[in-house]
Amino acid sequence: MSLVNNLTELLTPVVTQAGFVLEEVTITPIGKRRLVAVVVDRDDRNPSLDEVTVVSKEVSTILDNYSQLGEMPFTLEVTTPGIDRPLTLERHWKKNIGRLVKITPKVGEKYIGRITAVSGEKITLEMKDEERGIDLGDISRAQIEVEFNRKEVK
C-alpha cells in the first residue's frame, strides 16, 4: 500500500469526525523536504478559514507522530478545493446550487447555466429564463464560474 493510501486511510476518520470530507492527499518532493497536501471540504457548504485551521491542527498532530513519514522533514498544507476544481461528484453540485457553472458536454458546444436543482444523476440548470435537465453522464467537465457583480433576485 502506498504512503498516500496509508495517509488517506489514517486521516479520513479524523477529518470526518471534524465534519469534513477528505478530498485528496498528495505528497510532493521538494528538494530535501516533502509537501504533504491535504484537501478537505464540507458536504453542504464551503468551509471557513477557522474551520480549516481546526482540522489542520488535528491532521498535524497525527502526522507528527506518524512513523512511516520517516526522518525526511515535511511541510503540511491543509486546504480546500479551489474555485477552479471541476465538479465531479453529486455533493459538489449540491453545495453549489444557485451558482453559475460552465459545462463542457461530451458532445456539443460549451454552455453556462445556473444550478437550480440536483437529483441523483441529473442536474437542472436555468439558462436564459428556461430550465434544462442534464444527465451528469453527459458532462465531460464542469467548473464554477466566478461572479463578481451578481444582482440578487428578490
N, C-alpha and C. Protein backbone atom coordinates (compact mmCIF):
# COMPACT_ATOMS: atom_id res chain seq x y z
N MET A 1 0.84 -1.18 0.00
CA MET A 1 0.00 0.00 0.00
C MET A 1 0.89 1.25 0.00
N SER A 2 0.58 2.24 -0.80
CA SER A 2 1.42 3.43 -0.91
C SER A 2 1.25 4.34 0.30
N LEU A 3 2.19 5.25 0.46
CA LEU A 3 2.16 6.20 1.57
C LEU A 3 0.92 7.09 1.49
N VAL A 4 0.55 7.50 0.28
CA VAL A 4 -0.65 8.33 0.10
C VAL A 4 -1.89 7.56 0.55
N ASN A 5 -1.99 6.29 0.15
CA ASN A 5 -3.13 5.47 0.56
C ASN A 5 -3.16 5.29 2.08
N ASN A 6 -1.98 5.05 2.67
CA ASN A 6 -1.90 4.91 4.13
C ASN A 6 -2.36 6.19 4.83
N LEU A 7 -1.89 7.34 4.35
CA LEU A 7 -2.28 8.61 4.95
C LEU A 7 -3.77 8.88 4.78
N THR A 8 -4.30 8.54 3.62
CA THR A 8 -5.73 8.73 3.38
C THR A 8 -6.54 7.89 4.37
N GLU A 9 -6.14 6.65 4.54
CA GLU A 9 -6.82 5.75 5.48
C GLU A 9 -6.69 6.25 6.92
N LEU A 10 -5.53 6.77 7.27
CA LEU A 10 -5.26 7.26 8.62
C LEU A 10 -6.03 8.56 8.92
N LEU A 11 -6.09 9.46 7.94
CA LEU A 11 -6.67 10.78 8.17
C LEU A 11 -8.18 10.85 7.99
N THR A 12 -8.74 9.95 7.20
CA THR A 12 -10.18 10.01 6.92
C THR A 12 -11.05 10.05 8.17
N PRO A 13 -10.85 9.18 9.16
CA PRO A 13 -11.71 9.23 10.35
C PRO A 13 -11.61 10.56 11.12
N VAL A 14 -10.43 11.12 11.21
CA VAL A 14 -10.23 12.38 11.94
C VAL A 14 -10.90 13.53 11.20
N VAL A 15 -10.72 13.57 9.89
CA VAL A 15 -11.32 14.62 9.07
C VAL A 15 -12.84 14.50 9.11
N THR A 16 -13.35 13.29 9.02
CA THR A 16 -14.80 13.05 9.07
C THR A 16 -15.37 13.45 10.42
N GLN A 17 -14.69 13.11 11.48
CA GLN A 17 -15.15 13.46 12.83
C GLN A 17 -15.21 14.98 13.02
N ALA A 18 -14.35 15.71 12.33
CA ALA A 18 -14.35 17.17 12.41
C ALA A 18 -15.44 17.78 11.52
N GLY A 19 -16.19 16.94 10.80
CA GLY A 19 -17.28 17.43 9.96
C GLY A 19 -16.90 17.72 8.53
N PHE A 20 -15.77 17.19 8.10
CA PHE A 20 -15.29 17.43 6.75
C PHE A 20 -15.28 16.15 5.94
N VAL A 21 -15.02 16.31 4.66
CA VAL A 21 -14.79 15.20 3.74
C VAL A 21 -13.34 15.32 3.27
N LEU A 22 -12.60 14.23 3.31
CA LEU A 22 -11.23 14.23 2.80
C LEU A 22 -11.29 14.05 1.29
N GLU A 23 -10.95 15.10 0.56
CA GLU A 23 -11.00 15.07 -0.90
C GLU A 23 -9.76 14.39 -1.49
N GLU A 24 -8.59 14.75 -0.94
CA GLU A 24 -7.36 14.27 -1.58
C GLU A 24 -6.17 14.45 -0.65
N VAL A 25 -5.22 13.54 -0.75
CA VAL A 25 -3.92 13.66 -0.08
C VAL A 25 -2.86 13.48 -1.15
N THR A 26 -1.91 14.41 -1.21
CA THR A 26 -0.79 14.27 -2.14
C THR A 26 0.52 14.51 -1.39
N ILE A 27 1.57 13.89 -1.88
CA ILE A 27 2.91 14.09 -1.32
C ILE A 27 3.83 14.45 -2.49
N THR A 28 4.44 15.63 -2.39
CA THR A 28 5.31 16.12 -3.45
C THR A 28 6.71 16.37 -2.90
N PRO A 29 7.74 15.72 -3.47
CA PRO A 29 9.10 16.00 -3.02
C PRO A 29 9.53 17.40 -3.47
N ILE A 30 10.12 18.14 -2.53
CA ILE A 30 10.64 19.48 -2.83
C ILE A 30 12.04 19.57 -2.23
N GLY A 31 13.03 19.27 -3.02
CA GLY A 31 14.41 19.27 -2.52
C GLY A 31 14.58 18.22 -1.44
N LYS A 32 15.02 18.65 -0.26
CA LYS A 32 15.24 17.73 0.85
C LYS A 32 14.02 17.65 1.76
N ARG A 33 12.90 18.17 1.30
CA ARG A 33 11.66 18.15 2.07
C ARG A 33 10.56 17.53 1.23
N ARG A 34 9.40 17.36 1.85
CA ARG A 34 8.21 16.92 1.14
C ARG A 34 7.07 17.86 1.50
N LEU A 35 6.19 18.06 0.55
CA LEU A 35 4.96 18.80 0.80
C LEU A 35 3.83 17.79 0.90
N VAL A 36 3.20 17.73 2.07
CA VAL A 36 2.04 16.87 2.27
C VAL A 36 0.82 17.78 2.18
N ALA A 37 0.06 17.66 1.10
CA ALA A 37 -1.12 18.49 0.88
C ALA A 37 -2.37 17.67 1.17
N VAL A 38 -3.22 18.20 2.03
CA VAL A 38 -4.46 17.54 2.42
C VAL A 38 -5.60 18.47 2.03
N VAL A 39 -6.45 18.02 1.12
CA VAL A 39 -7.57 18.83 0.64
C VAL A 39 -8.84 18.34 1.33
N VAL A 40 -9.50 19.25 2.06
CA VAL A 40 -10.72 18.92 2.78
C VAL A 40 -11.86 19.80 2.28
N ASP A 41 -13.07 19.31 2.46
CA ASP A 41 -14.25 20.05 2.03
C ASP A 41 -15.40 19.68 2.95
N ARG A 42 -16.52 20.35 2.78
CA ARG A 42 -17.74 20.02 3.50
C ARG A 42 -18.78 19.56 2.49
N ASP A 43 -19.72 18.76 2.96
CA ASP A 43 -20.78 18.28 2.07
C ASP A 43 -21.72 19.39 1.64
N ASP A 44 -22.03 20.28 2.56
CA ASP A 44 -23.14 21.21 2.34
C ASP A 44 -22.74 22.64 2.01
N ARG A 45 -21.49 23.02 2.25
CA ARG A 45 -21.07 24.40 2.02
C ARG A 45 -19.55 24.45 2.01
N ASN A 46 -19.03 25.62 1.66
CA ASN A 46 -17.58 25.81 1.69
C ASN A 46 -17.16 26.10 3.13
N PRO A 47 -16.11 25.44 3.60
CA PRO A 47 -15.67 25.66 4.98
C PRO A 47 -15.02 27.02 5.17
N SER A 48 -15.09 27.52 6.41
CA SER A 48 -14.44 28.79 6.73
C SER A 48 -12.97 28.55 7.06
N LEU A 49 -12.20 29.61 7.08
CA LEU A 49 -10.79 29.52 7.41
C LEU A 49 -10.59 29.00 8.83
N ASP A 50 -11.43 29.44 9.75
CA ASP A 50 -11.34 28.96 11.14
C ASP A 50 -11.57 27.45 11.23
N GLU A 51 -12.53 26.95 10.46
CA GLU A 51 -12.81 25.51 10.46
C GLU A 51 -11.63 24.72 9.90
N VAL A 52 -11.03 25.23 8.84
CA VAL A 52 -9.88 24.55 8.24
C VAL A 52 -8.70 24.56 9.21
N THR A 53 -8.56 25.63 9.96
CA THR A 53 -7.48 25.71 10.96
C THR A 53 -7.63 24.63 12.02
N VAL A 54 -8.85 24.40 12.46
CA VAL A 54 -9.10 23.36 13.48
C VAL A 54 -8.71 21.99 12.95
N VAL A 55 -9.17 21.64 11.75
CA VAL A 55 -8.85 20.33 11.20
C VAL A 55 -7.35 20.23 10.88
N SER A 56 -6.73 21.34 10.51
CA SER A 56 -5.30 21.36 10.23
C SER A 56 -4.50 20.97 11.47
N LYS A 57 -4.89 21.47 12.62
CA LYS A 57 -4.20 21.13 13.87
C LYS A 57 -4.34 19.64 14.18
N GLU A 58 -5.52 19.09 13.93
CA GLU A 58 -5.74 17.65 14.16
C GLU A 58 -4.85 16.81 13.25
N VAL A 59 -4.81 17.18 11.98
CA VAL A 59 -4.00 16.45 11.00
C VAL A 59 -2.52 16.56 11.34
N SER A 60 -2.09 17.75 11.74
CA SER A 60 -0.69 17.97 12.09
C SER A 60 -0.26 17.09 13.26
N THR A 61 -1.11 16.97 14.26
CA THR A 61 -0.80 16.13 15.43
C THR A 61 -0.60 14.68 15.01
N ILE A 62 -1.46 14.20 14.13
CA ILE A 62 -1.35 12.82 13.67
C ILE A 62 -0.06 12.61 12.86
N LEU A 63 0.22 13.53 11.94
CA LEU A 63 1.39 13.37 11.08
C LEU A 63 2.70 13.51 11.86
N ASP A 64 2.71 14.35 12.90
CA ASP A 64 3.92 14.50 13.71
C ASP A 64 4.29 13.18 14.40
N ASN A 65 3.32 12.33 14.62
CA ASN A 65 3.56 11.06 15.30
C ASN A 65 3.49 9.85 14.37
N TYR A 66 3.47 10.08 13.07
CA TYR A 66 3.33 9.00 12.10
C TYR A 66 4.71 8.56 11.63
N SER A 67 5.12 7.39 12.05
CA SER A 67 6.49 6.92 11.80
C SER A 67 6.78 6.63 10.32
N GLN A 68 5.76 6.32 9.52
CA GLN A 68 6.02 5.95 8.12
C GLN A 68 6.45 7.14 7.26
N LEU A 69 6.32 8.35 7.80
CA LEU A 69 6.84 9.51 7.06
C LEU A 69 8.36 9.57 7.13
N GLY A 70 8.94 8.81 8.05
CA GLY A 70 10.39 8.73 8.15
C GLY A 70 11.00 9.99 8.72
N GLU A 71 12.29 10.14 8.50
CA GLU A 71 13.05 11.27 9.06
C GLU A 71 13.06 12.49 8.15
N MET A 72 12.67 12.33 6.88
CA MET A 72 12.69 13.46 5.96
C MET A 72 11.66 14.50 6.41
N PRO A 73 12.07 15.76 6.58
CA PRO A 73 11.12 16.78 7.03
C PRO A 73 10.03 17.02 5.98
N PHE A 74 8.88 17.49 6.46
CA PHE A 74 7.77 17.77 5.55
C PHE A 74 7.09 19.06 5.95
N THR A 75 6.41 19.65 4.98
CA THR A 75 5.57 20.81 5.20
C THR A 75 4.14 20.35 4.98
N LEU A 76 3.27 20.67 5.93
CA LEU A 76 1.87 20.29 5.81
C LEU A 76 1.06 21.47 5.29
N GLU A 77 0.23 21.18 4.30
CA GLU A 77 -0.68 22.18 3.75
C GLU A 77 -2.08 21.59 3.78
N VAL A 78 -2.95 22.16 4.60
CA VAL A 78 -4.36 21.74 4.63
C VAL A 78 -5.14 22.85 3.96
N THR A 79 -5.90 22.48 2.95
CA THR A 79 -6.59 23.48 2.14
C THR A 79 -7.95 22.95 1.69
N THR A 80 -8.70 23.79 1.02
CA THR A 80 -9.98 23.39 0.45
C THR A 80 -9.85 23.38 -1.07
N PRO A 81 -10.77 22.71 -1.75
CA PRO A 81 -10.70 22.72 -3.22
C PRO A 81 -10.85 24.15 -3.73
N GLY A 82 -10.08 24.50 -4.72
CA GLY A 82 -10.17 25.84 -5.29
C GLY A 82 -11.41 26.00 -6.15
N ILE A 83 -11.70 27.23 -6.49
CA ILE A 83 -12.86 27.54 -7.32
C ILE A 83 -12.74 26.90 -8.71
N ASP A 84 -11.50 26.62 -9.12
CA ASP A 84 -11.29 26.04 -10.45
C ASP A 84 -11.35 24.51 -10.45
N ARG A 85 -11.62 23.92 -9.30
CA ARG A 85 -11.70 22.45 -9.23
C ARG A 85 -12.98 21.99 -9.94
N PRO A 86 -12.88 21.02 -10.82
CA PRO A 86 -14.08 20.55 -11.53
C PRO A 86 -15.11 19.92 -10.60
N LEU A 87 -16.37 20.07 -10.95
CA LEU A 87 -17.46 19.42 -10.22
C LEU A 87 -17.54 17.99 -10.75
N THR A 88 -17.27 17.02 -9.89
CA THR A 88 -17.24 15.63 -10.35
C THR A 88 -18.22 14.73 -9.59
N LEU A 89 -18.59 15.12 -8.39
CA LEU A 89 -19.47 14.29 -7.57
C LEU A 89 -20.80 15.01 -7.32
N GLU A 90 -21.82 14.24 -7.02
CA GLU A 90 -23.14 14.82 -6.76
C GLU A 90 -23.07 15.88 -5.65
N ARG A 91 -22.30 15.61 -4.59
CA ARG A 91 -22.23 16.57 -3.49
C ARG A 91 -21.58 17.89 -3.92
N HIS A 92 -20.67 17.86 -4.89
CA HIS A 92 -20.09 19.09 -5.43
C HIS A 92 -21.18 19.95 -6.05
N TRP A 93 -22.08 19.31 -6.77
CA TRP A 93 -23.18 20.02 -7.43
C TRP A 93 -24.15 20.58 -6.40
N LYS A 94 -24.51 19.76 -5.41
CA LYS A 94 -25.50 20.18 -4.41
C LYS A 94 -25.05 21.40 -3.63
N LYS A 95 -23.81 21.45 -3.23
CA LYS A 95 -23.36 22.57 -2.42
C LYS A 95 -23.19 23.85 -3.25
N ASN A 96 -23.29 23.73 -4.56
CA ASN A 96 -23.15 24.89 -5.43
C ASN A 96 -24.46 25.31 -6.10
N ILE A 97 -25.58 24.81 -5.58
CA ILE A 97 -26.89 25.24 -6.10
C ILE A 97 -26.98 26.76 -6.00
N GLY A 98 -27.43 27.38 -7.08
CA GLY A 98 -27.53 28.84 -7.13
C GLY A 98 -26.36 29.51 -7.81
N ARG A 99 -25.31 28.76 -8.10
CA ARG A 99 -24.12 29.34 -8.73
C ARG A 99 -24.09 29.02 -10.23
N LEU A 100 -23.35 29.87 -10.96
CA LEU A 100 -23.16 29.64 -12.39
C LEU A 100 -22.12 28.56 -12.60
N VAL A 101 -22.35 27.74 -13.60
CA VAL A 101 -21.41 26.67 -13.93
C VAL A 101 -21.19 26.65 -15.44
N LYS A 102 -19.94 26.44 -15.84
CA LYS A 102 -19.60 26.30 -17.25
C LYS A 102 -19.45 24.81 -17.51
N ILE A 103 -20.20 24.33 -18.48
CA ILE A 103 -20.23 22.90 -18.76
C ILE A 103 -19.67 22.61 -20.15
N THR A 104 -18.78 21.64 -20.19
CA THR A 104 -18.28 21.10 -21.45
C THR A 104 -18.92 19.72 -21.60
N PRO A 105 -19.89 19.60 -22.51
CA PRO A 105 -20.54 18.29 -22.68
C PRO A 105 -19.64 17.33 -23.44
N LYS A 106 -19.95 16.06 -23.34
CA LYS A 106 -19.20 15.05 -24.10
C LYS A 106 -19.43 15.24 -25.59
N VAL A 107 -20.61 15.73 -25.94
CA VAL A 107 -20.95 16.02 -27.34
C VAL A 107 -21.58 17.40 -27.40
N GLY A 108 -21.08 18.26 -28.29
CA GLY A 108 -21.67 19.58 -28.46
C GLY A 108 -20.80 20.70 -27.91
N GLU A 109 -21.37 21.91 -27.94
CA GLU A 109 -20.66 23.12 -27.54
C GLU A 109 -20.77 23.37 -26.04
N LYS A 110 -19.81 24.11 -25.49
CA LYS A 110 -19.84 24.51 -24.09
C LYS A 110 -21.02 25.46 -23.86
N TYR A 111 -21.51 25.47 -22.62
CA TYR A 111 -22.58 26.40 -22.26
C TYR A 111 -22.49 26.73 -20.78
N ILE A 112 -23.18 27.80 -20.38
CA ILE A 112 -23.18 28.26 -19.00
C ILE A 112 -24.62 28.34 -18.51
N GLY A 113 -24.84 27.90 -17.29
CA GLY A 113 -26.17 27.99 -16.68
C GLY A 113 -26.05 28.05 -15.17
N ARG A 114 -27.15 28.37 -14.52
CA ARG A 114 -27.18 28.44 -13.06
C ARG A 114 -27.79 27.15 -12.52
N ILE A 115 -27.10 26.51 -11.57
CA ILE A 115 -27.58 25.27 -10.98
C ILE A 115 -28.80 25.58 -10.12
N THR A 116 -29.92 24.93 -10.43
CA THR A 116 -31.14 25.15 -9.63
C THR A 116 -31.55 23.93 -8.84
N ALA A 117 -31.15 22.75 -9.28
CA ALA A 117 -31.52 21.53 -8.55
C ALA A 117 -30.58 20.39 -8.93
N VAL A 118 -30.45 19.45 -7.98
CA VAL A 118 -29.65 18.25 -8.20
C VAL A 118 -30.43 17.08 -7.64
N SER A 119 -30.58 16.05 -8.45
CA SER A 119 -31.31 14.87 -8.00
C SER A 119 -30.65 13.64 -8.60
N GLY A 120 -29.89 12.93 -7.76
CA GLY A 120 -29.22 11.73 -8.24
C GLY A 120 -28.24 12.06 -9.34
N GLU A 121 -28.43 11.49 -10.50
CA GLU A 121 -27.52 11.67 -11.62
C GLU A 121 -27.99 12.75 -12.59
N LYS A 122 -28.91 13.61 -12.13
CA LYS A 122 -29.45 14.64 -13.01
C LYS A 122 -29.37 16.00 -12.32
N ILE A 123 -28.98 17.02 -13.10
CA ILE A 123 -28.99 18.38 -12.58
C ILE A 123 -29.95 19.21 -13.41
N THR A 124 -30.41 20.30 -12.81
CA THR A 124 -31.27 21.24 -13.52
C THR A 124 -30.56 22.57 -13.55
N LEU A 125 -30.47 23.15 -14.75
CA LEU A 125 -29.84 24.45 -14.94
C LEU A 125 -30.86 25.46 -15.44
N GLU A 126 -30.73 26.69 -14.97
CA GLU A 126 -31.51 27.80 -15.53
C GLU A 126 -30.63 28.46 -16.56
N MET A 127 -31.16 28.53 -17.78
CA MET A 127 -30.41 29.11 -18.89
C MET A 127 -31.33 30.04 -19.66
N LYS A 128 -31.05 31.34 -19.61
CA LYS A 128 -31.83 32.33 -20.35
C LYS A 128 -33.33 32.14 -20.11
N ASP A 129 -33.74 32.15 -18.87
CA ASP A 129 -35.15 32.06 -18.46
C ASP A 129 -35.83 30.74 -18.81
N GLU A 130 -35.07 29.70 -19.06
CA GLU A 130 -35.65 28.37 -19.25
C GLU A 130 -34.84 27.38 -18.43
N GLU A 131 -35.47 26.31 -18.00
CA GLU A 131 -34.78 25.28 -17.25
C GLU A 131 -34.44 24.12 -18.18
N ARG A 132 -33.28 23.51 -17.89
CA ARG A 132 -32.82 22.42 -18.73
C ARG A 132 -32.26 21.32 -17.83
N GLY A 133 -32.75 20.12 -18.00
CA GLY A 133 -32.25 18.97 -17.25
C GLY A 133 -31.09 18.32 -17.99
N ILE A 134 -30.06 17.97 -17.23
CA ILE A 134 -28.87 17.39 -17.83
C ILE A 134 -28.43 16.18 -17.00
N ASP A 135 -28.11 15.09 -17.68
CA ASP A 135 -27.56 13.92 -17.00
C ASP A 135 -26.07 14.15 -16.74
N LEU A 136 -25.63 13.83 -15.52
CA LEU A 136 -24.21 14.01 -15.19
C LEU A 136 -23.32 13.20 -16.11
N GLY A 137 -23.80 12.07 -16.60
CA GLY A 137 -23.02 11.23 -17.50
C GLY A 137 -22.76 11.86 -18.86
N ASP A 138 -23.52 12.92 -19.20
CA ASP A 138 -23.33 13.60 -20.48
C ASP A 138 -22.31 14.73 -20.40
N ILE A 139 -21.77 14.96 -19.19
CA ILE A 139 -20.86 16.08 -18.97
C ILE A 139 -19.42 15.59 -18.96
N SER A 140 -18.59 16.24 -19.78
CA SER A 140 -17.16 15.93 -19.81
C SER A 140 -16.43 16.69 -18.70
N ARG A 141 -16.78 17.97 -18.51
CA ARG A 141 -16.15 18.82 -17.49
C ARG A 141 -17.13 19.91 -17.07
N ALA A 142 -17.13 20.21 -15.78
CA ALA A 142 -17.97 21.29 -15.25
C ALA A 142 -17.18 22.06 -14.22
N GLN A 143 -17.28 23.39 -14.29
CA GLN A 143 -16.49 24.23 -13.41
C GLN A 143 -17.30 25.47 -13.06
N ILE A 144 -17.23 25.89 -11.79
CA ILE A 144 -17.94 27.07 -11.33
C ILE A 144 -17.38 28.31 -12.02
N GLU A 145 -18.28 29.21 -12.41
CA GLU A 145 -17.91 30.50 -12.99
C GLU A 145 -17.96 31.54 -11.88
N VAL A 146 -16.92 32.33 -11.75
CA VAL A 146 -16.87 33.36 -10.73
C VAL A 146 -17.74 34.54 -11.16
N GLU A 147 -18.58 35.01 -10.23
CA GLU A 147 -19.43 36.19 -10.48
C GLU A 147 -19.02 37.28 -9.50
N PHE A 148 -18.61 38.41 -10.02
CA PHE A 148 -18.19 39.49 -9.14
C PHE A 148 -19.32 40.45 -8.81
N ASN A 149 -20.26 40.63 -9.71
CA ASN A 149 -21.31 41.61 -9.50
C ASN A 149 -22.71 41.02 -9.67
N ARG A 150 -22.94 39.89 -9.04
CA ARG A 150 -24.24 39.24 -9.19
C ARG A 150 -25.31 40.04 -8.47
N LYS A 151 -26.38 40.30 -9.18
CA LYS A 151 -27.52 41.00 -8.59
C LYS A 151 -28.48 39.96 -8.03
N GLU A 152 -28.79 40.08 -6.75
CA GLU A 152 -29.68 39.12 -6.09
C GLU A 152 -31.11 39.32 -6.58
N VAL A 153 -31.78 38.22 -6.87
CA VAL A 153 -33.18 38.24 -7.30
C VAL A 153 -34.05 38.18 -6.05
N LYS A 154 -35.05 39.09 -5.97
CA LYS A 154 -35.92 39.11 -4.80
C LYS A 154 -37.22 38.42 -5.06
